[in-house]
Amino acid sequence: MKSEDFKNRDKEKLSIVKIGGNIVDNPEELDKFLADFNSLEGLKVLIHGGGAIASKMSDQLGIETRKVDGRRITDAETLKLVTMVYAGLINKNIVASLQKLGCNAIGLSGADANTIPSVRRSPEPIDFGFVGDPDPQKVNKSFISLLVENDVIPVFCAITHDGDGMLLNTNADTIAYTVATALSEKYKTVLYYCFEKEGVLMDVNDPDSLIETINPDECDNLIQQGVIADGMIPKLFNSFNAISQGVSEVKILHAKNLLTGKGTVLS
């Protein structure tokens, strides 16, 4: 038995679930996912993105969406927009839907109760604007534990803060990794990345080409071959970082498979 197994065997399980991709943007799929999330046993935390909705509203309001390597440039106007969309529209709709299911949830940004402080990203070599990089060591673990242990489900949006009055746009995958890593000191944390694909695929257009397990060396080889690309790369990097820092297991899977766990497993 590995030393990590000894450390984790008496800990209570905590599921950190991140929902993103086209699921958040699709009301029917989101409702199905939230019903499954409500049925997930044990302590749990939900983290969501919503970039597609933010981009759509940017277009409607005439605010230019700028990205570098798929990552949004967050200027002052964009920060206002994503805060309203992530922390307001999407977050509160998800909380209301969970309440309808009898799941007592509370919507949070990283600024609330100082749960997830961040540092504004350096403008070198690329200035991403008001974008934050959180540190697992600074997460308010005691407050999150207080909520989950009293049957209140935290629902985090992709907004953090710098501790000096500034909100920061933050990658939701990174927030999930950060929260899972921070809470792994107290709980046996399992991190779920749920989206619209079956998991990590050999062929992104073939749902039957699922890679059921993957390790860092295999990941590096597939990146070099171009099999793994785009947004899947940071998702996998976050996953392996989480495991190296105490998270028990990471699963990348389709939102419909949350309860079965069928997808790509990293451990």
C-alpha atoms as a PDB file:
ATOM      1  CA  MET A   1       0.000   0.000   0.000  1.00  0.00           C
ATOM      2  CA  LYS A   2       1.378   3.435  -0.960  1.00  0.00           C
ATOM      3  CA  SER A   3       2.013   6.036   1.757  1.00  0.00           C
ATOM      4  CA  GLU A   4      -0.718   8.204   0.204  1.00  0.00           C
ATOM      5  CA  ASP A   5      -3.184   5.358   0.728  1.00  0.00           C
ATOM      6  CA  PHE A   6      -2.370   5.249   4.446  1.00  0.00           C
ATOM      7  CA  LYS A   7      -2.906   9.004   4.684  1.00  0.00           C
ATOM      8  CA  ASN A   8      -6.239   8.876   2.878  1.00  0.00           C
ATOM      9  CA  ARG A   9      -7.846   5.679   4.143  1.00  0.00           C
ATOM     10  CA  ASP A  10      -9.490   7.255   7.217  1.00  0.00           C
ATOM     11  CA  LYS A  11     -10.402  10.540   5.572  1.00  0.00           C
ATOM     12  CA  GLU A  12     -13.958  11.326   4.524  1.00  0.00           C
ATOM     13  CA  LYS A  13     -14.436  11.561   0.769  1.00  0.00           C
ATOM     14  CA  LEU A  14     -15.032  14.985  -0.764  1.00  0.00           C
ATOM     15  CA  SER A  15     -16.018  15.328  -4.427  1.00  0.00           C
ATOM     16  CA  ILE A  16     -14.860  18.477  -6.216  1.00  0.00           C
ATOM     17  CA  VAL A  17     -16.896  18.702  -9.419  1.00  0.00           C
ATOM     18  CA  LYS A  18     -16.158  21.167 -12.202  1.00  0.00           C
ATOM     19  CA  ILE A  19     -18.761  21.606 -14.926  1.00  0.00           C
ATOM     20  CA  GLY A  20     -17.949  23.412 -18.134  1.00  0.00           C
ATOM     21  CA  GLY A  21     -18.011  23.228 -21.888  1.00  0.00           C
ATOM     22  CA  ASN A  22     -21.315  23.163 -23.692  1.00  0.00           C
ATOM     23  CA  ILE A  23     -23.132  21.770 -20.646  1.00  0.00           C
ATOM     24  CA  VAL A  24     -23.362  25.096 -18.813  1.00  0.00           C
ATOM     25  CA  ASP A  25     -24.635  26.721 -22.008  1.00  0.00           C
ATOM     26  CA  ASN A  26     -27.378  24.104 -22.580  1.00  0.00           C
ATOM     27  CA  PRO A  27     -30.312  24.401 -20.105  1.00  0.00           C
ATOM     28  CA  GLU A  28     -31.569  20.842 -20.694  1.00  0.00           C
ATOM     29  CA  GLU A  29     -28.133  19.237 -20.315  1.00  0.00           C
ATOM     30  CA  LEU A  30     -27.377  21.397 -17.289  1.00  0.00           C
ATOM     31  CA  ASP A  31     -30.615  20.325 -15.579  1.00  0.00           C
ATOM     32  CA  LYS A  32     -29.751  16.648 -16.157  1.00  0.00           C
ATOM     33  CA  PHE A  33     -26.267  17.180 -14.785  1.00  0.00           C
ATOM     34  CA  LEU A  34     -27.511  19.029 -11.694  1.00  0.00           C
ATOM     35  CA  ALA A  35     -29.943  16.191 -10.945  1.00  0.00           C
ATOM     36  CA  ASP A  36     -27.016  13.754 -11.044  1.00  0.00           C
ATOM     37  CA  PHE A  37     -24.861  16.091  -8.968  1.00  0.00           C
ATOM     38  CA  ASN A  38     -27.636  16.235  -6.373  1.00  0.00           C
ATOM     39  CA  SER A  39     -27.618  12.407  -6.286  1.00  0.00           C
ATOM     40  CA  LEU A  40     -23.851  12.207  -5.804  1.00  0.00           C
ATOM     41  CA  GLU A  41     -23.294  10.820  -2.318  1.00  0.00           C
ATOM     42  CA  GLY A  42     -21.118  12.426   0.324  1.00  0.00           C
ATOM     43  CA  LEU A  43     -19.560  15.840   0.745  1.00  0.00           C
ATOM     44  CA  LYS A  44     -19.250  17.881  -2.449  1.00  0.00           C
ATOM     45  CA  VAL A  45     -18.359  21.203  -4.025  1.00  0.00           C
ATOM     46  CA  LEU A  46     -19.409  22.467  -7.468  1.00  0.00           C
ATOM     47  CA  ILE A  47     -17.327  24.789  -9.654  1.00  0.00           C
ATOM     48  CA  HIS A  48     -18.534  26.170 -12.973  1.00  0.00           C
ATOM     49  CA  GLY A  49     -17.313  28.110 -15.967  1.00  0.00           C
ATOM     50  CA  GLY A  50     -19.406  29.842 -18.607  1.00  0.00           C
ATOM     51  CA  GLY A  51     -17.079  31.331 -21.187  1.00  0.00           C
ATOM     52  CA  ALA A  52     -19.382  30.751 -24.150  1.00  0.00           C
ATOM     53  CA  ILE A  53     -22.225  32.691 -22.511  1.00  0.00           C
ATOM     54  CA  ALA A  54     -19.810  35.511 -21.649  1.00  0.00           C
ATOM     55  CA  SER A  55     -18.582  35.640 -25.258  1.00  0.00           C
ATOM     56  CA  LYS A  56     -22.145  35.744 -26.573  1.00  0.00           C
ATOM     57  CA  MET A  57     -23.060  38.615 -24.262  1.00  0.00           C
ATOM     58  CA  SER A  58     -19.840  40.424 -25.198  1.00  0.00           C
ATOM     59  CA  ASP A  59     -20.935  40.343 -28.829  1.00  0.00           C
ATOM     60  CA  GLN A  60     -24.423  41.585 -27.936  1.00  0.00           C
ATOM     61  CA  LEU A  61     -22.965  44.488 -25.935  1.00  0.00           C
ATOM     62  CA  GLY A  62     -20.318  45.346 -28.504  1.00  0.00           C
ATOM     63  CA  ILE A  63     -17.409  44.392 -26.237  1.00  0.00           C
ATOM     64  CA  GLU A  64     -14.638  42.780 -28.267  1.00  0.00           C
ATOM     65  CA  THR A  65     -13.635  39.268 -27.172  1.00  0.00           C
ATOM     66  CA  ARG A  66      -9.886  38.843 -27.436  1.00  0.00           C
ATOM     67  CA  LYS A  67      -8.069  35.571 -26.809  1.00  0.00           C
ATOM     68  CA  VAL A  68      -4.504  34.280 -26.992  1.00  0.00           C
ATOM     69  CA  ASP A  69      -4.096  30.495 -27.321  1.00  0.00           C
ATOM     70  CA  GLY A  70      -7.751  30.126 -26.374  1.00  0.00           C
ATOM     71  CA  ARG A  71      -7.384  32.187 -23.183  1.00  0.00           C
ATOM     72  CA  ARG A  72      -9.476  35.309 -22.719  1.00  0.00           C
ATOM     73  CA  ILE A  73      -7.838  38.720 -22.414  1.00  0.00           C
ATOM     74  CA  THR A  74      -9.680  40.381 -19.507  1.00  0.00           C
ATOM     75  CA  ASP A  75      -9.603  44.175 -19.778  1.00  0.00           C
ATOM     76  CA  ALA A  76     -11.595  46.415 -17.416  1.00  0.00           C
ATOM     77  CA  GLU A  77     -14.841  46.217 -19.418  1.00  0.00           C
ATOM     78  CA  THR A  78     -14.531  42.458 -19.891  1.00  0.00           C
ATOM     79  CA  LEU A  79     -13.965  42.026 -16.152  1.00  0.00           C
ATOM     80  CA  LYS A  80     -17.257  43.805 -15.449  1.00  0.00           C
ATOM     81  CA  LEU A  81     -19.020  41.559 -17.946  1.00  0.00           C
ATOM     82  CA  VAL A  82     -17.606  38.217 -16.763  1.00  0.00           C
ATOM     83  CA  THR A  83     -18.278  39.134 -13.143  1.00  0.00           C
ATOM     84  CA  MET A  84     -21.924  39.809 -13.961  1.00  0.00           C
ATOM     85  CA  VAL A  85     -22.239  36.641 -16.066  1.00  0.00           C
ATOM     86  CA  TYR A  86     -20.241  34.182 -13.926  1.00  0.00           C
ATOM     87  CA  ALA A  87     -20.966  35.427 -10.396  1.00  0.00           C
ATOM     88  CA  GLY A  88     -24.483  36.634 -11.214  1.00  0.00           C
ATOM     89  CA  LEU A  89     -26.454  35.104 -14.069  1.00  0.00           C
ATOM     90  CA  ILE A  90     -24.909  31.628 -14.261  1.00  0.00           C
ATOM     91  CA  ASN A  91     -24.071  31.140 -10.594  1.00  0.00           C
ATOM     92  CA  LYS A  92     -27.471  32.118  -9.252  1.00  0.00           C
ATOM     93  CA  ASN A  93     -29.351  30.128 -11.888  1.00  0.00           C
ATOM     94  CA  ILE A  94     -27.362  27.025 -10.882  1.00  0.00           C
ATOM     95  CA  VAL A  95     -28.022  27.665  -7.180  1.00  0.00           C
ATOM     96  CA  ALA A  96     -31.742  28.153  -7.829  1.00  0.00           C
ATOM     97  CA  SER A  97     -31.879  24.927  -9.850  1.00  0.00           C
ATOM     98  CA  LEU A  98     -30.167  23.011  -7.049  1.00  0.00           C
ATOM     99  CA  GLN A  99     -32.566  24.458  -4.480  1.00  0.00           C
ATOM    100  CA  LYS A 100     -35.437  23.214  -6.637  1.00  0.00           C
ATOM    101  CA  LEU A 101     -33.960  19.717  -6.286  1.00  0.00           C
ATOM    102  CA  GLY A 102     -33.752  20.026  -2.516  1.00  0.00           C
ATOM    103  CA  CYS A 103     -29.999  20.580  -2.574  1.00  0.00           C
ATOM    104  CA  ASN A 104     -29.140  23.436  -0.207  1.00  0.00           C
ATOM    105  CA  ALA A 105     -26.506  25.367  -2.168  1.00  0.00           C
ATOM    106  CA  ILE A 106     -24.795  28.723  -1.768  1.00  0.00           C
ATOM    107  CA  GLY A 107     -23.258  30.654  -4.646  1.00  0.00           C
ATOM    108  CA  LEU A 108     -19.791  32.059  -4.060  1.00  0.00           C
ATOM    109  CA  SER A 109     -16.961  33.885  -5.751  1.00  0.00           C
ATOM    110  CA  GLY A 110     -13.423  33.597  -4.453  1.00  0.00           C
ATOM    111  CA  ALA A 111     -13.873  36.958  -2.722  1.00  0.00           C
ATOM    112  CA  ASP A 112     -16.709  35.719  -0.503  1.00  0.00           C
ATOM    113  CA  ALA A 113     -15.358  34.835   2.958  1.00  0.00           C
ATOM    114  CA  ASN A 114     -11.897  35.210   1.380  1.00  0.00           C
ATOM    115  CA  THR A 115     -12.300  31.669   0.065  1.00  0.00           C
ATOM    116  CA  ILE A 116      -9.938  31.878  -2.931  1.00  0.00           C
ATOM    117  CA  PRO A 117      -7.377  34.690  -2.989  1.00  0.00           C
ATOM    118  CA  SER A 118      -5.336  35.107  -6.166  1.00  0.00           C
ATOM    119  CA  VAL A 119      -2.364  36.998  -7.496  1.00  0.00           C
ATOM    120  CA  ARG A 120      -2.811  39.018 -10.661  1.00  0.00           C
ATOM    121  CA  ARG A 121      -0.883  37.303 -13.426  1.00  0.00           C
ATOM    122  CA  SER A 122       2.335  38.952 -14.596  1.00  0.00           C
ATOM    123  CA  PRO A 123       1.967  40.912 -17.863  1.00  0.00           C
ATOM    124  CA  GLU A 124       5.071  39.123 -19.173  1.00  0.00           C
ATOM    125  CA  PRO A 125       5.263  37.525 -21.675  1.00  0.00           C
ATOM    126  CA  ILE A 126       1.546  38.103 -22.431  1.00  0.00           C
ATOM    127  CA  ASP A 127      -0.649  40.645 -20.670  1.00  0.00           C
ATOM    128  CA  PHE A 128      -3.912  38.816 -19.969  1.00  0.00           C
ATOM    129  CA  GLY A 129      -5.249  41.763 -17.994  1.00  0.00           C
ATOM    130  CA  PHE A 130      -7.293  41.188 -14.852  1.00  0.00           C
ATOM    131  CA  VAL A 131      -6.605  37.462 -14.570  1.00  0.00           C
ATOM    132  CA  GLY A 132      -5.807  35.729 -11.282  1.00  0.00           C
ATOM    133  CA  ASP A 133      -3.656  32.751 -10.355  1.00  0.00           C
ATOM    134  CA  PRO A 134      -4.775  31.211  -7.031  1.00  0.00           C
ATOM    135  CA  ASP A 135      -2.604  29.450  -4.454  1.00  0.00           C
ATOM    136  CA  PRO A 136      -3.958  26.290  -2.728  1.00  0.00           C
ATOM    137  CA  GLN A 137      -2.147  27.285   0.475  1.00  0.00           C
ATOM    138  CA  LYS A 138      -4.259  30.457   0.762  1.00  0.00           C
ATOM    139  CA  VAL A 139      -7.682  28.874   0.260  1.00  0.00           C
ATOM    140  CA  ASN A 140     -10.045  29.398   3.213  1.00  0.00           C
ATOM    141  CA  LYS A 141     -10.296  25.691   3.961  1.00  0.00           C
ATOM    142  CA  SER A 142     -12.030  26.092   7.317  1.00  0.00           C
ATOM    143  CA  PHE A 143     -14.941  28.045   5.830  1.00  0.00           C
ATOM    144  CA  ILE A 144     -15.471  25.601   2.963  1.00  0.00           C
ATOM    145  CA  SER A 145     -15.302  22.696   5.435  1.00  0.00           C
ATOM    146  CA  LEU A 146     -17.854  24.443   7.657  1.00  0.00           C
ATOM    147  CA  LEU A 147     -20.266  24.626   4.735  1.00  0.00           C
ATOM    148  CA  VAL A 148     -19.917  21.075   3.400  1.00  0.00           C
ATOM    149  CA  GLU A 149     -20.029  19.518   6.861  1.00  0.00           C
ATOM    150  CA  ASN A 150     -23.314  21.323   7.504  1.00  0.00           C
ATOM    151  CA  ASP A 151     -24.890  20.084   4.277  1.00  0.00           C
ATOM    152  CA  VAL A 152     -24.502  23.370   2.415  1.00  0.00           C
ATOM    153  CA  ILE A 153     -23.069  22.922  -1.081  1.00  0.00           C
ATOM    154  CA  PRO A 154     -20.640  25.668  -2.193  1.00  0.00           C
ATOM    155  CA  VAL A 155     -21.075  26.611  -5.856  1.00  0.00           C
ATOM    156  CA  PHE A 156     -18.038  28.578  -7.025  1.00  0.00           C
ATOM    157  CA  CYS A 157     -17.919  30.735 -10.130  1.00  0.00           C
ATOM    158  CA  ALA A 158     -14.693  31.588 -11.988  1.00  0.00           C
ATOM    159  CA  ILE A 159     -14.035  34.874 -10.164  1.00  0.00           C
ATOM    160  CA  THR A 160     -11.385  35.305  -7.440  1.00  0.00           C
ATOM    161  CA  HIS A 161      -9.821  38.389  -5.796  1.00  0.00           C
ATOM    162  CA  ASP A 162      -6.404  39.812  -4.933  1.00  0.00           C
ATOM    163  CA  GLY A 163      -7.112  40.806  -1.309  1.00  0.00           C
ATOM    164  CA  ASP A 164      -6.722  44.466  -2.220  1.00  0.00           C
ATOM    165  CA  GLY A 165     -10.200  45.122  -3.569  1.00  0.00           C
ATOM    166  CA  MET A 166      -9.694  43.817  -7.110  1.00  0.00           C
ATOM    167  CA  LEU A 167     -11.757  40.997  -8.615  1.00  0.00           C
ATOM    168  CA  LEU A 168      -9.931  38.716 -11.044  1.00  0.00           C
ATOM    169  CA  ASN A 169     -11.113  36.443 -13.844  1.00  0.00           C
ATOM    170  CA  THR A 170      -9.744  32.960 -13.165  1.00  0.00           C
ATOM    171  CA  ASN A 171      -9.771  29.723 -15.151  1.00  0.00           C
ATOM    172  CA  ALA A 172     -12.451  27.456 -13.663  1.00  0.00           C
ATOM    173  CA  ASP A 173     -10.332  24.319 -14.181  1.00  0.00           C
ATOM    174  CA  THR A 174      -7.601  25.989 -12.147  1.00  0.00           C
ATOM    175  CA  ILE A 175     -10.047  26.899  -9.382  1.00  0.00           C
ATOM    176  CA  ALA A 176     -11.164  23.258  -9.226  1.00  0.00           C
ATOM    177  CA  TYR A 177      -7.559  22.068  -8.980  1.00  0.00           C
ATOM    178  CA  THR A 178      -6.817  24.707  -6.324  1.00  0.00           C
ATOM    179  CA  VAL A 179      -9.801  23.852  -4.115  1.00  0.00           C
ATOM    180  CA  ALA A 180      -9.272  20.089  -4.468  1.00  0.00           C
ATOM    181  CA  THR A 181      -5.590  20.399  -3.571  1.00  0.00           C
ATOM    182  CA  ALA A 182      -6.244  22.669  -0.605  1.00  0.00           C
ATOM    183  CA  LEU A 183      -8.906  20.391   0.878  1.00  0.00           C
ATOM    184  CA  SER A 184      -6.899  17.197   0.309  1.00  0.00           C
ATOM    185  CA  GLU A 185      -5.178  17.894   3.647  1.00  0.00           C
ATOM    186  CA  LYS A 186      -8.437  17.097   5.448  1.00  0.00           C
ATOM    187  CA  TYR A 187     -10.448  14.964   3.016  1.00  0.00           C
ATOM    188  CA  LYS A 188      -9.939  12.210   0.495  1.00  0.00           C
ATOM    189  CA  THR A 189     -10.581  14.490  -2.473  1.00  0.00           C
ATOM    190  CA  VAL A 190     -11.691  13.238  -5.864  1.00  0.00           C
ATOM    191  CA  LEU A 191     -11.686  15.818  -8.650  1.00  0.00           C
ATOM    192  CA  TYR A 192     -14.168  15.474 -11.519  1.00  0.00           C
ATOM    193  CA  TYR A 193     -13.785  17.500 -14.703  1.00  0.00           C
ATOM    194  CA  CYS A 194     -17.176  17.195 -16.441  1.00  0.00           C
ATOM    195  CA  PHE A 195     -17.774  18.492 -19.965  1.00  0.00           C
ATOM    196  CA  GLU A 196     -19.329  17.462 -23.284  1.00  0.00           C
ATOM    197  CA  LYS A 197     -16.787  14.785 -24.315  1.00  0.00           C
ATOM    198  CA  GLU A 198     -16.441  11.206 -23.062  1.00  0.00           C
ATOM    199  CA  GLY A 199     -13.021  12.019 -21.598  1.00  0.00           C
ATOM    200  CA  VAL A 200      -9.546  12.224 -23.125  1.00  0.00           C
ATOM    201  CA  LEU A 201      -9.905  10.863 -26.666  1.00  0.00           C
ATOM    202  CA  MET A 202      -7.416   9.492 -29.182  1.00  0.00           C
ATOM    203  CA  ASP A 203      -9.631  11.083 -31.847  1.00  0.00           C
ATOM    204  CA  VAL A 204     -11.507  14.148 -30.645  1.00  0.00           C
ATOM    205  CA  ASN A 205     -14.291  13.379 -33.155  1.00  0.00           C
ATOM    206  CA  ASP A 206     -14.712   9.728 -32.109  1.00  0.00           C
ATOM    207  CA  PRO A 207     -16.405   9.211 -28.723  1.00  0.00           C
ATOM    208  CA  ASP A 208     -15.439   5.529 -28.845  1.00  0.00           C
ATOM    209  CA  SER A 209     -11.714   6.365 -28.793  1.00  0.00           C
ATOM    210  CA  LEU A 210     -11.670   6.958 -25.033  1.00  0.00           C
ATOM    211  CA  ILE A 211      -8.342   6.722 -23.230  1.00  0.00           C
ATOM    212  CA  GLU A 212      -9.447   5.059 -19.988  1.00  0.00           C
ATOM    213  CA  THR A 213      -6.272   5.766 -17.984  1.00  0.00           C
ATOM    214  CA  ILE A 214      -3.325   8.064 -18.572  1.00  0.00           C
ATOM    215  CA  ASN A 215      -0.090   8.942 -16.770  1.00  0.00           C
ATOM    216  CA  PRO A 216       2.226  11.970 -17.223  1.00  0.00           C
ATOM    217  CA  ASP A 217       4.633  10.224 -19.619  1.00  0.00           C
ATOM    218  CA  GLU A 218       1.793   9.011 -21.839  1.00  0.00           C
ATOM    219  CA  CYS A 219       0.300  12.491 -21.741  1.00  0.00           C
ATOM    220  CA  ASP A 220       3.576  14.100 -22.875  1.00  0.00           C
ATOM    221  CA  ASN A 221       3.877  11.647 -25.772  1.00  0.00           C
ATOM    222  CA  LEU A 222       0.311  12.288 -26.927  1.00  0.00           C
ATOM    223  CA  ILE A 223       0.846  16.055 -26.761  1.00  0.00           C
ATOM    224  CA  GLN A 224       3.972  15.710 -28.923  1.00  0.00           C
ATOM    225  CA  GLN A 225       1.960  13.624 -31.409  1.00  0.00           C
ATOM    226  CA  GLY A 226      -0.772  16.268 -31.517  1.00  0.00           C
ATOM    227  CA  VAL A 227      -3.385  13.838 -30.173  1.00  0.00           C
ATOM    228  CA  ILE A 228      -3.913  15.961 -27.061  1.00  0.00           C
ATOM    229  CA  ALA A 229      -4.217  19.657 -27.870  1.00  0.00           C
ATOM    230  CA  ASP A 230      -5.933  22.969 -27.107  1.00  0.00           C
ATOM    231  CA  GLY A 231      -7.939  23.200 -23.882  1.00  0.00           C
ATOM    232  CA  MET A 232      -7.288  19.592 -22.900  1.00  0.00           C
ATOM    233  CA  ILE A 233      -3.608  20.361 -22.236  1.00  0.00           C
ATOM    234  CA  PRO A 234      -4.113  22.743 -19.263  1.00  0.00           C
ATOM    235  CA  LYS A 235      -6.878  20.471 -17.952  1.00  0.00           C
ATOM    236  CA  LEU A 236      -4.449  17.540 -17.831  1.00  0.00           C
ATOM    237  CA  PHE A 237      -1.629  19.630 -16.395  1.00  0.00           C
ATOM    238  CA  ASN A 238      -3.972  20.789 -13.613  1.00  0.00           C
ATOM    239  CA  SER A 239      -4.994  17.168 -13.046  1.00  0.00           C
ATOM    240  CA  PHE A 240      -1.470  15.835 -12.663  1.00  0.00           C
ATOM    241  CA  ASN A 241      -0.518  18.791 -10.448  1.00  0.00           C
ATOM    242  CA  ALA A 242      -3.497  18.012  -8.241  1.00  0.00           C
ATOM    243  CA  ILE A 243      -2.475  14.363  -7.861  1.00  0.00           C
ATOM    244  CA  SER A 244       1.131  15.311  -7.090  1.00  0.00           C
ATOM    245  CA  GLN A 245      -0.157  17.583  -4.307  1.00  0.00           C
ATOM    246  CA  GLY A 246      -2.398  15.122  -2.507  1.00  0.00           C
ATOM    247  CA  VAL A 247      -5.617  14.727  -4.524  1.00  0.00           C
ATOM    248  CA  SER A 248      -6.568  11.031  -4.515  1.00  0.00           C
ATOM    249  CA  GLU A 249      -7.945  10.747  -8.015  1.00  0.00           C
ATOM    250  CA  VAL A 250      -8.951  12.844 -11.020  1.00  0.00           C
ATOM    251  CA  LYS A 251     -11.632  11.856 -13.513  1.00  0.00           C
ATOM    252  CA  ILE A 252     -12.216  13.595 -16.847  1.00  0.00           C
ATOM    253  CA  LEU A 253     -15.595  12.578 -18.223  1.00  0.00           C
ATOM    254  CA  HIS A 254     -18.847  13.475 -19.913  1.00  0.00           C
ATOM    255  CA  ALA A 255     -21.287  15.217 -17.577  1.00  0.00           C
ATOM    256  CA  LYS A 256     -23.828  12.436 -18.165  1.00  0.00           C
ATOM    257  CA  ASN A 257     -21.379   9.927 -16.618  1.00  0.00           C
ATOM    258  CA  LEU A 258     -20.823  11.714 -13.301  1.00  0.00           C
ATOM    259  CA  LEU A 259     -22.529   8.953 -11.305  1.00  0.00           C
ATOM    260  CA  THR A 260     -20.994   6.021 -13.208  1.00  0.00           C
ATOM    261  CA  GLY A 261     -17.493   7.530 -13.295  1.00  0.00           C
ATOM    262  CA  LYS A 262     -16.917   6.316 -16.842  1.00  0.00           C
ATOM    263  CA  GLY A 263     -14.227   8.437 -18.462  1.00  0.00           C
ATOM    264  CA  THR A 264     -10.472   8.975 -18.235  1.00  0.00           C
ATOM    265  CA  VAL A 265      -8.975   8.277 -14.827  1.00  0.00           C
ATOM    266  CA  LEU A 266      -5.726   9.809 -13.584  1.00  0.00           C
ATOM    267  CA  SER A 267      -4.193   8.586 -10.344  1.00  0.00           C
END
